[in-house]
Amino acid sequence: QVQLVESGGGLVQAGGSLRLSCAASGRTFGSYAMGWFRQAPGMERKFVAVISRSGDRSRYADSVKGRFTISRDNAKNTVYLQMNSLKPEDTAVYYCAAAPFFMTVVGAFGSWGQGTQVTVSS
């Protein structure tokens, strides 16, 4: 498995931007598809975005399509989530996760970070 550490969360006004980063340990980062998920209080963890091992494919939840962009730098063992035009409903703890295949379901991801809080004020 791979160890993951997220950073970049914080408090931002509606319409603002944040970039989340997720640093992975180990030399096998490039063998994992990487995903971002989020969980609001009292809600289940939900898919946000996923990127393939090489970075040539990505997929987004409808709620963030056109506003969020996932990317990765395999040389730096890091995956990013650029979040623009943020809305109060984007408020949640954001988690990055690693999976052996390009998937969007929580159960497909075996390694998880500790999460980073994103709060969007109206």
PDB file of N, CA and C in Angstrom:
ATOM      1  N   GLN A   1       0.834  -1.196   0.000  1.00  0.00           N
ATOM      2  CA  GLN A   1       0.000   0.000   0.000  1.00  0.00           C
ATOM      3  C   GLN A   1       0.867   1.245   0.000  1.00  0.00           C
ATOM      4  N   VAL A   2       0.226   2.360  -0.247  1.00  0.00           N
ATOM      5  CA  VAL A   2       0.919   3.628  -0.304  1.00  0.00           C
ATOM      6  C   VAL A   2       0.374   4.529   0.795  1.00  0.00           C
ATOM      7  N   GLN A   3       1.249   5.326   1.403  1.00  0.00           N
ATOM      8  CA  GLN A   3       0.820   6.280   2.429  1.00  0.00           C
ATOM      9  C   GLN A   3       0.563   7.624   1.778  1.00  0.00           C
ATOM     10  N   LEU A   4      -0.531   8.261   2.183  1.00  0.00           N
ATOM     11  CA  LEU A   4      -0.980   9.492   1.540  1.00  0.00           C
ATOM     12  C   LEU A   4      -1.181  10.600   2.573  1.00  0.00           C
ATOM     13  N   VAL A   5      -0.758  11.807   2.231  1.00  0.00           N
ATOM     14  CA  VAL A   5      -0.920  12.951   3.124  1.00  0.00           C
ATOM     15  C   VAL A   5      -1.450  14.135   2.316  1.00  0.00           C
ATOM     16  N   GLU A   6      -2.650  14.593   2.681  1.00  0.00           N
ATOM     17  CA  GLU A   6      -3.259  15.727   1.997  1.00  0.00           C
ATOM     18  C   GLU A   6      -2.854  17.044   2.653  1.00  0.00           C
ATOM     19  N   SER A   7      -2.905  18.106   1.867  1.00  0.00           N
ATOM     20  CA  SER A   7      -2.677  19.455   2.368  1.00  0.00           C
ATOM     21  C   SER A   7      -3.383  20.435   1.455  1.00  0.00           C
ATOM     22  N   GLY A   8      -3.505  21.681   1.920  1.00  0.00           N
ATOM     23  CA  GLY A   8      -4.060  22.726   1.083  1.00  0.00           C
ATOM     24  C   GLY A   8      -5.473  23.146   1.401  1.00  0.00           C
ATOM     25  N   GLY A   9      -6.103  22.478   2.340  1.00  0.00           N
ATOM     26  CA  GLY A   9      -7.451  22.864   2.714  1.00  0.00           C
ATOM     27  C   GLY A   9      -7.470  24.183   3.460  1.00  0.00           C
ATOM     28  N   GLY A  10      -8.673  24.695   3.695  1.00  0.00           N
ATOM     29  CA  GLY A  10      -8.789  25.951   4.423  1.00  0.00           C
ATOM     30  C   GLY A  10     -10.156  26.560   4.266  1.00  0.00           C
ATOM     31  N   LEU A  11     -10.249  27.821   4.663  1.00  0.00           N
ATOM     32  CA  LEU A  11     -11.492  28.582   4.594  1.00  0.00           C
ATOM     33  C   LEU A  11     -11.400  29.545   3.418  1.00  0.00           C
ATOM     34  N   VAL A  12     -12.419  29.542   2.579  1.00  0.00           N
ATOM     35  CA  VAL A  12     -12.433  30.409   1.405  1.00  0.00           C
ATOM     36  C   VAL A  12     -13.856  30.908   1.179  1.00  0.00           C
ATOM     37  N   GLN A  13     -13.974  32.088   0.610  1.00  0.00           N
ATOM     38  CA  GLN A  13     -15.301  32.621   0.295  1.00  0.00           C
ATOM     39  C   GLN A  13     -15.845  31.979  -0.974  1.00  0.00           C
ATOM     40  N   ALA A  14     -17.140  31.969  -1.086  1.00  0.00           N
ATOM     41  CA  ALA A  14     -17.781  31.448  -2.294  1.00  0.00           C
ATOM     42  C   ALA A  14     -17.232  32.170  -3.520  1.00  0.00           C
ATOM     43  N   GLY A  15     -16.968  31.407  -4.560  1.00  0.00           N
ATOM     44  CA  GLY A  15     -16.379  31.947  -5.771  1.00  0.00           C
ATOM     45  C   GLY A  15     -14.863  31.887  -5.791  1.00  0.00           C
ATOM     46  N   GLY A  16     -14.268  31.568  -4.669  1.00  0.00           N
ATOM     47  CA  GLY A  16     -12.820  31.501  -4.578  1.00  0.00           C
ATOM     48  C   GLY A  16     -12.271  30.171  -5.049  1.00  0.00           C
ATOM     49  N   SER A  17     -10.950  30.030  -4.866  1.00  0.00           N
ATOM     50  CA  SER A  17     -10.241  28.835  -5.333  1.00  0.00           C
ATOM     51  C   SER A  17      -9.331  28.290  -4.249  1.00  0.00           C
ATOM     52  N   LEU A  18      -9.102  26.991  -4.319  1.00  0.00           N
ATOM     53  CA  LEU A  18      -8.122  26.312  -3.489  1.00  0.00           C
ATOM     54  C   LEU A  18      -7.478  25.220  -4.326  1.00  0.00           C
ATOM     55  N   ARG A  19      -6.241  24.890  -3.993  1.00  0.00           N
ATOM     56  CA  ARG A  19      -5.598  23.732  -4.608  1.00  0.00           C
ATOM     57  C   ARG A  19      -5.172  22.773  -3.508  1.00  0.00           C
ATOM     58  N   LEU A  20      -5.712  21.585  -3.573  1.00  0.00           N
ATOM     59  CA  LEU A  20      -5.332  20.532  -2.644  1.00  0.00           C
ATOM     60  C   LEU A  20      -4.189  19.717  -3.242  1.00  0.00           C
ATOM     61  N   SER A  21      -3.311  19.270  -2.361  1.00  0.00           N
ATOM     62  CA  SER A  21      -2.219  18.396  -2.767  1.00  0.00           C
ATOM     63  C   SER A  21      -2.272  17.120  -1.942  1.00  0.00           C
ATOM     64  N   CYS A  22      -1.799  16.056  -2.527  1.00  0.00           N
ATOM     65  CA  CYS A  22      -1.727  14.778  -1.832  1.00  0.00           C
ATOM     66  C   CYS A  22      -0.380  14.154  -2.163  1.00  0.00           C
ATOM     67  N   ALA A  23       0.478  14.062  -1.164  1.00  0.00           N
ATOM     68  CA  ALA A  23       1.814  13.493  -1.351  1.00  0.00           C
ATOM     69  C   ALA A  23       1.799  12.024  -0.962  1.00  0.00           C
ATOM     70  N   ALA A  24       2.381  11.212  -1.811  1.00  0.00           N
ATOM     71  CA  ALA A  24       2.413   9.765  -1.581  1.00  0.00           C
ATOM     72  C   ALA A  24       3.827   9.305  -1.286  1.00  0.00           C
ATOM     73  N   SER A  25       3.924   8.341  -0.415  1.00  0.00           N
ATOM     74  CA  SER A  25       5.227   7.745  -0.122  1.00  0.00           C
ATOM     75  C   SER A  25       5.421   6.508  -0.975  1.00  0.00           C
ATOM     76  N   GLY A  26       6.653   6.081  -1.112  1.00  0.00           N
ATOM     77  CA  GLY A  26       6.929   4.857  -1.859  1.00  0.00           C
ATOM     78  C   GLY A  26       7.255   5.115  -3.314  1.00  0.00           C
ATOM     79  N   ARG A  27       7.755   4.064  -3.949  1.00  0.00           N
ATOM     80  CA  ARG A  27       8.193   4.197  -5.336  1.00  0.00           C
ATOM     81  C   ARG A  27       7.196   3.628  -6.329  1.00  0.00           C
ATOM     82  N   THR A  28       5.975   3.325  -5.850  1.00  0.00           N
ATOM     83  CA  THR A  28       4.984   2.702  -6.723  1.00  0.00           C
ATOM     84  C   THR A  28       3.827   3.634  -7.040  1.00  0.00           C
ATOM     85  N   PHE A  29       3.998   4.924  -6.817  1.00  0.00           N
ATOM     86  CA  PHE A  29       2.905   5.882  -7.021  1.00  0.00           C
ATOM     87  C   PHE A  29       2.327   5.765  -8.417  1.00  0.00           C
ATOM     88  N   GLY A  30       3.167   5.617  -9.405  1.00  0.00           N
ATOM     89  CA  GLY A  30       2.729   5.556 -10.788  1.00  0.00           C
ATOM     90  C   GLY A  30       1.918   4.323 -11.134  1.00  0.00           C
ATOM     91  N   SER A  31       1.836   3.361 -10.243  1.00  0.00           N
ATOM     92  CA  SER A  31       1.063   2.157 -10.507  1.00  0.00           C
ATOM     93  C   SER A  31      -0.359   2.248  -9.967  1.00  0.00           C
ATOM     94  N   TYR A  32      -0.727   3.409  -9.417  1.00  0.00           N
ATOM     95  CA  TYR A  32      -2.055   3.606  -8.845  1.00  0.00           C
ATOM     96  C   TYR A  32      -2.836   4.670  -9.598  1.00  0.00           C
ATOM     97  N   ALA A  33      -4.108   4.396  -9.819  1.00  0.00           N
ATOM     98  CA  ALA A  33      -5.029   5.475 -10.136  1.00  0.00           C
ATOM     99  C   ALA A  33      -5.276   6.231  -8.836  1.00  0.00           C
ATOM    100  N   MET A  34      -5.449   7.543  -8.939  1.00  0.00           N
ATOM    101  CA  MET A  34      -5.626   8.362  -7.745  1.00  0.00           C
ATOM    102  C   MET A  34      -6.964   9.077  -7.786  1.00  0.00           C
ATOM    103  N   GLY A  35      -7.613   9.109  -6.652  1.00  0.00           N
ATOM    104  CA  GLY A  35      -8.922   9.731  -6.583  1.00  0.00           C
ATOM    105  C   GLY A  35      -9.022  10.738  -5.449  1.00  0.00           C
ATOM    106  N   TRP A  36      -9.972  11.626  -5.600  1.00  0.00           N
ATOM    107  CA  TRP A  36     -10.368  12.543  -4.529  1.00  0.00           C
ATOM    108  C   TRP A  36     -11.831  12.262  -4.184  1.00  0.00           C
ATOM    109  N   PHE A  37     -12.087  12.240  -2.899  1.00  0.00           N
ATOM    110  CA  PHE A  37     -13.435  12.046  -2.377  1.00  0.00           C
ATOM    111  C   PHE A  37     -13.688  13.127  -1.333  1.00  0.00           C
ATOM    112  N   ARG A  38     -14.946  13.317  -0.976  1.00  0.00           N
ATOM    113  CA  ARG A  38     -15.257  14.276   0.074  1.00  0.00           C
ATOM    114  C   ARG A  38     -16.398  13.759   0.933  1.00  0.00           C
ATOM    115  N   GLN A  39     -16.389  14.231   2.165  1.00  0.00           N
ATOM    116  CA  GLN A  39     -17.413  13.807   3.110  1.00  0.00           C
ATOM    117  C   GLN A  39     -17.838  15.001   3.943  1.00  0.00           C
ATOM    118  N   ALA A  40     -19.108  15.341   3.824  1.00  0.00           N
ATOM    119  CA  ALA A  40     -19.699  16.402   4.629  1.00  0.00           C
ATOM    120  C   ALA A  40     -20.235  15.798   5.924  1.00  0.00           C
ATOM    121  N   PRO A  41     -20.422  16.608   6.963  1.00  0.00           N
ATOM    122  CA  PRO A  41     -20.910  16.079   8.242  1.00  0.00           C
ATOM    123  C   PRO A  41     -22.233  15.353   8.082  1.00  0.00           C
ATOM    124  N   GLY A  42     -22.299  14.148   8.629  1.00  0.00           N
ATOM    125  CA  GLY A  42     -23.519  13.374   8.574  1.00  0.00           C
ATOM    126  C   GLY A  42     -23.825  12.740   7.238  1.00  0.00           C
ATOM    127  N   MET A  43     -22.900  12.867   6.298  1.00  0.00           N
ATOM    128  CA  MET A  43     -23.124  12.337   4.956  1.00  0.00           C
ATOM    129  C   MET A  43     -22.111  11.239   4.653  1.00  0.00           C
ATOM    130  N   GLU A  44     -22.415  10.428   3.664  1.00  0.00           N
ATOM    131  CA  GLU A  44     -21.475   9.397   3.255  1.00  0.00           C
ATOM    132  C   GLU A  44     -20.368  10.014   2.402  1.00  0.00           C
ATOM    133  N   ARG A  45     -19.252   9.316   2.332  1.00  0.00           N
ATOM    134  CA  ARG A  45     -18.128   9.770   1.516  1.00  0.00           C
ATOM    135  C   ARG A  45     -18.497   9.625   0.024  1.00  0.00           C
ATOM    136  N   LYS A  46     -18.219  10.682  -0.730  1.00  0.00           N
ATOM    137  CA  LYS A  46     -18.632  10.698  -2.127  1.00  0.00           C
ATOM    138  C   LYS A  46     -17.464  10.955  -3.066  1.00  0.00           C
ATOM    139  N   PHE A  47     -17.560  10.379  -4.236  1.00  0.00           N
ATOM    140  CA  PHE A  47     -16.567  10.545  -5.278  1.00  0.00           C
ATOM    141  C   PHE A  47     -16.536  11.987  -5.785  1.00  0.00           C
ATOM    142  N   VAL A  48     -15.334  12.502  -6.011  1.00  0.00           N
ATOM    143  CA  VAL A  48     -15.168  13.827  -6.594  1.00  0.00           C
ATOM    144  C   VAL A  48     -14.476  13.732  -7.963  1.00  0.00           C
ATOM    145  N   ALA A  49     -13.308  13.073  -8.006  1.00  0.00           N
ATOM    146  CA  ALA A  49     -12.538  12.999  -9.251  1.00  0.00           C
ATOM    147  C   ALA A  49     -11.554  11.839  -9.170  1.00  0.00           C
ATOM    148  N   VAL A  50     -11.170  11.350 -10.332  1.00  0.00           N
ATOM    149  CA  VAL A  50     -10.167  10.283 -10.410  1.00  0.00           C
ATOM    150  C   VAL A  50      -9.290  10.548 -11.621  1.00  0.00           C
ATOM    151  N   ILE A  51      -8.028  10.137 -11.518  1.00  0.00           N
ATOM    152  CA  ILE A  51      -7.086  10.271 -12.613  1.00  0.00           C
ATOM    153  C   ILE A  51      -6.357   8.946 -12.797  1.00  0.00           C
ATOM    154  N   SER A  52      -6.089   8.614 -14.040  1.00  0.00           N
ATOM    155  CA  SER A  52      -5.448   7.338 -14.345  1.00  0.00           C
ATOM    156  C   SER A  52      -3.977   7.340 -13.928  1.00  0.00           C
ATOM    157  N   ARG A  53      -3.354   6.183 -14.001  1.00  0.00           N
ATOM    158  CA  ARG A  53      -1.962   6.040 -13.565  1.00  0.00           C
ATOM    159  C   ARG A  53      -1.025   6.985 -14.299  1.00  0.00           C
ATOM    160  N   SER A  54      -1.238   7.130 -15.592  1.00  0.00           N
ATOM    161  CA  SER A  54      -0.350   7.991 -16.392  1.00  0.00           C
ATOM    162  C   SER A  54      -0.829   9.424 -16.454  1.00  0.00           C
ATOM    163  N   GLY A  55      -2.064   9.647 -16.026  1.00  0.00           N
ATOM    164  CA  GLY A  55      -2.625  10.986 -16.070  1.00  0.00           C
ATOM    165  C   GLY A  55      -3.336  11.315 -17.371  1.00  0.00           C
ATOM    166  N   ASP A  56      -3.520  10.310 -18.244  1.00  0.00           N
ATOM    167  CA  ASP A  56      -4.126  10.607 -19.538  1.00  0.00           C
ATOM    168  C   ASP A  56      -5.649  10.555 -19.519  1.00  0.00           C
ATOM    169  N   ARG A  57      -6.209  10.061 -18.417  1.00  0.00           N
ATOM    170  CA  ARG A  57      -7.666  10.030 -18.296  1.00  0.00           C
ATOM    171  C   ARG A  57      -8.081  10.578 -16.942  1.00  0.00           C
ATOM    172  N   SER A  58      -9.245  11.216 -16.925  1.00  0.00           N
ATOM    173  CA  SER A  58      -9.810  11.699 -15.670  1.00  0.00           C
ATOM    174  C   SER A  58     -11.334  11.658 -15.760  1.00  0.00           C
ATOM    175  N   ARG A  59     -11.950  11.652 -14.622  1.00  0.00           N
ATOM    176  CA  ARG A  59     -13.417  11.639 -14.560  1.00  0.00           C
ATOM    177  C   ARG A  59     -13.835  12.431 -13.330  1.00  0.00           C
ATOM    178  N   TYR A  60     -14.988  13.078 -13.448  1.00  0.00           N
ATOM    179  CA  TYR A  60     -15.451  13.958 -12.385  1.00  0.00           C
ATOM    180  C   TYR A  60     -16.898  13.672 -12.012  1.00  0.00           C
ATOM    181  N   ALA A  61     -17.224  13.962 -10.771  1.00  0.00           N
ATOM    182  CA  ALA A  61     -18.620  13.972 -10.365  1.00  0.00           C
ATOM    183  C   ALA A  61     -19.308  15.127 -11.076  1.00  0.00           C
ATOM    184  N   ASP A  62     -20.580  14.943 -11.396  1.00  0.00           N
ATOM    185  CA  ASP A  62     -21.317  15.995 -12.107  1.00  0.00           C
ATOM    186  C   ASP A  62     -21.316  17.306 -11.326  1.00  0.00           C
ATOM    187  N   SER A  63     -21.308  17.208 -10.016  1.00  0.00           N
ATOM    188  CA  SER A  63     -21.400  18.400  -9.180  1.00  0.00           C
ATOM    189  C   SER A  63     -20.159  19.292  -9.250  1.00  0.00           C
ATOM    190  N   VAL A  64     -19.039  18.750  -9.716  1.00  0.00           N
ATOM    191  CA  VAL A  64     -17.805  19.543  -9.760  1.00  0.00           C
ATOM    192  C   VAL A  64     -17.282  19.717 -11.179  1.00  0.00           C
ATOM    193  N   LYS A  65     -17.901  19.077 -12.141  1.00  0.00           N
ATOM    194  CA  LYS A  65     -17.427  19.129 -13.522  1.00  0.00           C
ATOM    195  C   LYS A  65     -17.383  20.574 -14.013  1.00  0.00           C
ATOM    196  N   GLY A  66     -16.268  20.938 -14.620  1.00  0.00           N
ATOM    197  CA  GLY A  66     -16.088  22.294 -15.120  1.00  0.00           C
ATOM    198  C   GLY A  66     -15.532  23.262 -14.099  1.00  0.00           C
ATOM    199  N   ARG A  67     -15.497  22.862 -12.821  1.00  0.00           N
ATOM    200  CA  ARG A  67     -14.964  23.727 -11.767  1.00  0.00           C
ATOM    201  C   ARG A  67     -13.698  23.155 -11.142  1.00  0.00           C
ATOM    202  N   PHE A  68     -13.612  21.847 -11.050  1.00  0.00           N
ATOM    203  CA  PHE A  68     -12.465  21.178 -10.424  1.00  0.00           C
ATOM    204  C   PHE A  68     -11.621  20.504 -11.499  1.00  0.00           C
ATOM    205  N   THR A  69     -10.315  20.450 -11.252  1.00  0.00           N
ATOM    206  CA  THR A  69      -9.401  19.748 -12.145  1.00  0.00           C
ATOM    207  C   THR A  69      -8.435  18.896 -11.331  1.00  0.00           C
ATOM    208  N   ILE A  70      -8.375  17.624 -11.669  1.00  0.00           N
ATOM    209  CA  ILE A  70      -7.423  16.721 -11.027  1.00  0.00           C
ATOM    210  C   ILE A  70      -6.207  16.573 -11.922  1.00  0.00           C
ATOM    211  N   SER A  71      -5.043  16.518 -11.319  1.00  0.00           N
ATOM    212  CA  SER A  71      -3.806  16.316 -12.068  1.00  0.00           C
ATOM    213  C   SER A  71      -2.815  15.569 -11.187  1.00  0.00           C
ATOM    214  N   ARG A  72      -1.754  15.091 -11.790  1.00  0.00           N
ATOM    215  CA  ARG A  72      -0.742  14.375 -11.017  1.00  0.00           C
ATOM    216  C   ARG A  72       0.638  14.625 -11.603  1.00  0.00           C
ATOM    217  N   ASP A  73       1.629  14.501 -10.742  1.00  0.00           N
ATOM    218  CA  ASP A  73       3.023  14.607 -11.142  1.00  0.00           C
ATOM    219  C   ASP A  73       3.711  13.363 -10.597  1.00  0.00           C
ATOM    220  N   ASN A  74       3.903  12.374 -11.442  1.00  0.00           N
ATOM    221  CA  ASN A  74       4.465  11.108 -10.972  1.00  0.00           C
ATOM    222  C   ASN A  74       5.916  11.248 -10.530  1.00  0.00           C
ATOM    223  N   ALA A  75       6.620  12.233 -11.048  1.00  0.00           N
ATOM    224  CA  ALA A  75       8.003  12.458 -10.618  1.00  0.00           C
ATOM    225  C   ALA A  75       8.055  12.974  -9.184  1.00  0.00           C
ATOM    226  N   LYS A  76       6.983  13.636  -8.759  1.00  0.00           N
ATOM    227  CA  LYS A  76       6.915  14.192  -7.405  1.00  0.00           C
ATOM    228  C   LYS A  76       6.009  13.369  -6.491  1.00  0.00           C
ATOM    229  N   ASN A  77       5.486  12.262  -6.997  1.00  0.00           N
ATOM    230  CA  ASN A  77       4.577  11.424  -6.191  1.00  0.00           C
ATOM    231  C   ASN A  77       3.433  12.238  -5.592  1.00  0.00           C
ATOM    232  N   THR A  78       2.840  13.099  -6.389  1.00  0.00           N
ATOM    233  CA  THR A  78       1.816  14.008  -5.879  1.00  0.00           C
ATOM    234  C   THR A  78       0.634  14.094  -6.839  1.00  0.00           C
ATOM    235  N   VAL A  79      -0.547  14.135  -6.269  1.00  0.00           N
ATOM    236  CA  VAL A  79      -1.765  14.377  -7.023  1.00  0.00           C
ATOM    237  C   VAL A  79      -2.399  15.661  -6.488  1.00  0.00           C
ATOM    238  N   TYR A  80      -3.015  16.400  -7.389  1.00  0.00           N
ATOM    239  CA  TYR A  80      -3.578  17.709  -7.044  1.00  0.00           C
ATOM    240  C   TYR A  80      -5.069  17.748  -7.366  1.00  0.00           C
ATOM    241  N   LEU A  81      -5.751  18.649  -6.686  1.00  0.00           N
ATOM    242  CA  LEU A  81      -7.138  18.958  -7.029  1.00  0.00           C
ATOM    243  C   LEU A  81      -7.273  20.477  -7.005  1.00  0.00           C
ATOM    244  N   GLN A  82      -7.359  21.053  -8.197  1.00  0.00           N
ATOM    245  CA  GLN A  82      -7.586  22.492  -8.314  1.00  0.00           C
ATOM    246  C   GLN A  82      -9.086  22.734  -8.268  1.00  0.00           C
ATOM    247  N   MET A  83      -9.517  23.542  -7.327  1.00  0.00           N
ATOM    248  CA  MET A  83     -10.938  23.793  -7.118  1.00  0.00           C
ATOM    249  C   MET A  83     -11.221  25.279  -7.349  1.00  0.00           C
ATOM    250  N   ASN A  84     -12.001  25.570  -8.362  1.00  0.00           N
ATOM    251  CA  ASN A  84     -12.369  26.947  -8.696  1.00  0.00           C
ATOM    252  C   ASN A  84     -13.865  27.146  -8.520  1.00  0.00           C
ATOM    253  N   SER A  85     -14.266  28.399  -8.472  1.00  0.00           N
ATOM    254  CA  SER A  85     -15.691  28.743  -8.345  1.00  0.00           C
ATOM    255  C   SER A  85     -16.345  27.957  -7.214  1.00  0.00           C
ATOM    256  N   LEU A  86     -15.696  27.960  -6.081  1.00  0.00           N
ATOM    257  CA  LEU A  86     -16.177  27.151  -4.957  1.00  0.00           C
ATOM    258  C   LEU A  86     -17.522  27.643  -4.453  1.00  0.00           C
ATOM    259  N   LYS A  87     -18.334  26.684  -3.999  1.00  0.00           N
ATOM    260  CA  LYS A  87     -19.664  26.950  -3.486  1.00  0.00           C
ATOM    261  C   LYS A  87     -19.759  26.465  -2.040  1.00  0.00           C
ATOM    262  N   PRO A  88     -20.672  27.022  -1.263  1.00  0.00           N
ATOM    263  CA  PRO A  88     -20.835  26.537   0.121  1.00  0.00           C
ATOM    264  C   PRO A  88     -21.077  25.029   0.188  1.00  0.00           C
ATOM    265  N   GLU A  89     -21.754  24.478  -0.798  1.00  0.00           N
ATOM    266  CA  GLU A  89     -22.025  23.041  -0.797  1.00  0.00           C
ATOM    267  C   GLU A  89     -20.792  22.192  -1.075  1.00  0.00           C
ATOM    268  N   ASP A  90     -19.672  22.826  -1.400  1.00  0.00           N
ATOM    269  CA  ASP A  90     -18.410  22.096  -1.540  1.00  0.00           C
ATOM    270  C   ASP A  90     -17.730  21.876  -0.192  1.00  0.00           C
ATOM    271  N   THR A  91     -18.277  22.456   0.858  1.00  0.00           N
ATOM    272  CA  THR A  91     -17.707  22.302   2.192  1.00  0.00           C
ATOM    273  C   THR A  91     -17.724  20.840   2.615  1.00  0.00           C
ATOM    274  N   ALA A  92     -16.556  20.329   2.987  1.00  0.00           N
ATOM    275  CA  ALA A  92     -16.423  18.920   3.362  1.00  0.00           C
ATOM    276  C   ALA A  92     -14.973  18.652   3.749  1.00  0.00           C
ATOM    277  N   VAL A  93     -14.749  17.465   4.281  1.00  0.00           N
ATOM    278  CA  VAL A  93     -13.386  16.953   4.421  1.00  0.00           C
ATOM    279  C   VAL A  93     -13.050  16.240   3.114  1.00  0.00           C
ATOM    280  N   TYR A  94     -11.931  16.602   2.535  1.00  0.00           N
ATOM    281  CA  TYR A  94     -11.508  16.024   1.256  1.00  0.00           C
ATOM    282  C   TYR A  94     -10.399  15.002   1.506  1.00  0.00           C
ATOM    283  N   TYR A  95     -10.573  13.846   0.890  1.00  0.00           N
ATOM    284  CA  TYR A  95      -9.631  12.747   1.034  1.00  0.00           C
ATOM    285  C   TYR A  95      -9.044  12.363  -0.321  1.00  0.00           C
ATOM    286  N   CYS A  96      -7.758  12.075  -0.346  1.00  0.00           N
ATOM    287  CA  CYS A  96      -7.223  11.445  -1.540  1.00  0.00           C
ATOM    288  C   CYS A  96      -7.068   9.951  -1.272  1.00  0.00           C
ATOM    289  N   ALA A  97      -7.074   9.181  -2.323  1.00  0.00           N
ATOM    290  CA  ALA A  97      -7.047   7.735  -2.190  1.00  0.00           C
ATOM    291  C   ALA A  97      -6.400   7.115  -3.414  1.00  0.00           C
ATOM    292  N   ALA A  98      -5.879   5.903  -3.232  1.00  0.00           N
ATOM    293  CA  ALA A  98      -5.192   5.194  -4.304  1.00  0.00           C
ATOM    294  C   ALA A  98      -5.904   3.885  -4.606  1.00  0.00           C
ATOM    295  N   ALA A  99      -5.985   3.555  -5.882  1.00  0.00           N
ATOM    296  CA  ALA A  99      -6.633   2.318  -6.319  1.00  0.00           C
ATOM    297  C   ALA A  99      -5.806   1.680  -7.432  1.00  0.00           C
ATOM    298  N   PRO A 100      -5.845   0.364  -7.554  1.00  0.00           N
ATOM    299  CA  PRO A 100      -5.079  -0.296  -8.618  1.00  0.00           C
ATOM    300  C   PRO A 100      -5.656  -0.074 -10.009  1.00  0.00           C
ATOM    301  N   PHE A 101      -6.922   0.326 -10.062  1.00  0.00           N
ATOM    302  CA  PHE A 101      -7.574   0.529 -11.349  1.00  0.00           C
ATOM    303  C   PHE A 101      -8.308   1.863 -11.361  1.00  0.00           C
ATOM    304  N   PHE A 102      -8.681   2.289 -12.567  1.00  0.00           N
ATOM    305  CA  PHE A 102      -9.394   3.548 -12.773  1.00  0.00           C
ATOM    306  C   PHE A 102     -10.856   3.338 -12.387  1.00  0.00           C
ATOM    307  N   MET A 103     -11.192   3.718 -11.157  1.00  0.00           N
ATOM    308  CA  MET A 103     -12.518   3.463 -10.620  1.00  0.00           C
ATOM    309  C   MET A 103     -13.041   4.713  -9.940  1.00  0.00           C
ATOM    310  N   THR A 104     -14.359   4.714  -9.649  1.00  0.00           N
ATOM    311  CA  THR A 104     -14.968   5.864  -8.983  1.00  0.00           C
ATOM    312  C   THR A 104     -15.671   5.498  -7.684  1.00  0.00           C
ATOM    313  N   VAL A 105     -15.668   4.243  -7.307  1.00  0.00           N
ATOM    314  CA  VAL A 105     -16.378   3.828  -6.104  1.00  0.00           C
ATOM    315  C   VAL A 105     -15.433   3.764  -4.912  1.00  0.00           C
ATOM    316  N   VAL A 106     -15.951   4.115  -3.748  1.00  0.00           N
ATOM    317  CA  VAL A 106     -15.134   4.166  -2.536  1.00  0.00           C
ATOM    318  C   VAL A 106     -14.447   2.823  -2.279  1.00  0.00           C
ATOM    319  N   GLY A 107     -15.177   1.745  -2.457  1.00  0.00           N
ATOM    320  CA  GLY A 107     -14.649   0.427  -2.126  1.00  0.00           C
ATOM    321  C   GLY A 107     -13.477  -0.029  -2.967  1.00  0.00           C
ATOM    322  N   ALA A 108     -13.242   0.616  -4.085  1.00  0.00           N
ATOM    323  CA  ALA A 108     -12.124   0.234  -4.956  1.00  0.00           C
ATOM    324  C   ALA A 108     -10.798   0.802  -4.485  1.00  0.00           C
ATOM    325  N   PHE A 109     -10.851   1.731  -3.544  1.00  0.00           N
ATOM    326  CA  PHE A 109      -9.650   2.430  -3.091  1.00  0.00           C
ATOM    327  C   PHE A 109      -9.185   1.854  -1.765  1.00  0.00           C
ATOM    328  N   GLY A 110      -7.946   1.359  -1.731  1.00  0.00           N
ATOM    329  CA  GLY A 110      -7.453   0.670  -0.548  1.00  0.00           C
ATOM    330  C   GLY A 110      -6.587   1.516   0.363  1.00  0.00           C
ATOM    331  N   SER A 111      -6.062   2.616  -0.146  1.00  0.00           N
ATOM    332  CA  SER A 111      -5.218   3.484   0.656  1.00  0.00           C
ATOM    333  C   SER A 111      -5.839   4.871   0.703  1.00  0.00           C
ATOM    334  N   TRP A 112      -5.888   5.447   1.903  1.00  0.00           N
ATOM    335  CA  TRP A 112      -6.542   6.745   2.116  1.00  0.00           C
ATOM    336  C   TRP A 112      -5.654   7.660   2.939  1.00  0.00           C
ATOM    337  N   GLY A 113      -5.748   8.953   2.652  1.00  0.00           N
ATOM    338  CA  GLY A 113      -5.120   9.947   3.482  1.00  0.00           C
ATOM    339  C   GLY A 113      -6.001  10.265   4.682  1.00  0.00           C
ATOM    340  N   GLN A 114      -5.530  11.188   5.496  1.00  0.00           N
ATOM    341  CA  GLN A 114      -6.248  11.537   6.730  1.00  0.00           C
ATOM    342  C   GLN A 114      -7.316  12.592   6.488  1.00  0.00           C
ATOM    343  N   GLY A 115      -7.289  13.224   5.325  1.00  0.00           N
ATOM    344  CA  GLY A 115      -8.286  14.228   4.988  1.00  0.00           C
ATOM    345  C   GLY A 115      -7.844  15.641   5.303  1.00  0.00           C
ATOM    346  N   THR A 116      -8.398  16.578   4.563  1.00  0.00           N
ATOM    347  CA  THR A 116      -8.145  18.002   4.792  1.00  0.00           C
ATOM    348  C   THR A 116      -9.469  18.748   4.674  1.00  0.00           C
ATOM    349  N   GLN A 117      -9.719  19.644   5.613  1.00  0.00           N
ATOM    350  CA  GLN A 117     -11.001  20.351   5.678  1.00  0.00           C
ATOM    351  C   GLN A 117     -11.038  21.498   4.676  1.00  0.00           C
ATOM    352  N   VAL A 118     -12.109  21.561   3.926  1.00  0.00           N
ATOM    353  CA  VAL A 118     -12.389  22.694   3.043  1.00  0.00           C
ATOM    354  C   VAL A 118     -13.706  23.299   3.484  1.00  0.00           C
ATOM    355  N   THR A 119     -13.679  24.587   3.788  1.00  0.00           N
ATOM    356  CA  THR A 119     -14.886  25.290   4.208  1.00  0.00           C
ATOM    357  C   THR A 119     -15.093  26.489   3.296  1.00  0.00           C
ATOM    358  N   VAL A 120     -16.272  26.554   2.685  1.00  0.00           N
ATOM    359  CA  VAL A 120     -16.604  27.642   1.773  1.00  0.00           C
ATOM    360  C   VAL A 120     -17.711  28.464   2.408  1.00  0.00           C
ATOM    361  N   SER A 121     -17.430  29.715   2.662  1.00  0.00           N
ATOM    362  CA  SER A 121     -18.412  30.592   3.282  1.00  0.00           C
ATOM    363  C   SER A 121     -19.208  31.336   2.224  1.00  0.00           C
ATOM    364  N   SER A 122     -20.450  31.618   2.551  1.00  0.00           N
ATOM    365  CA  SER A 122     -21.326  32.304   1.589  1.00  0.00           C
ATOM    366  C   SER A 122     -21.240  33.816   1.746  1.00  0.00           C
TER     367      SER A 122
END
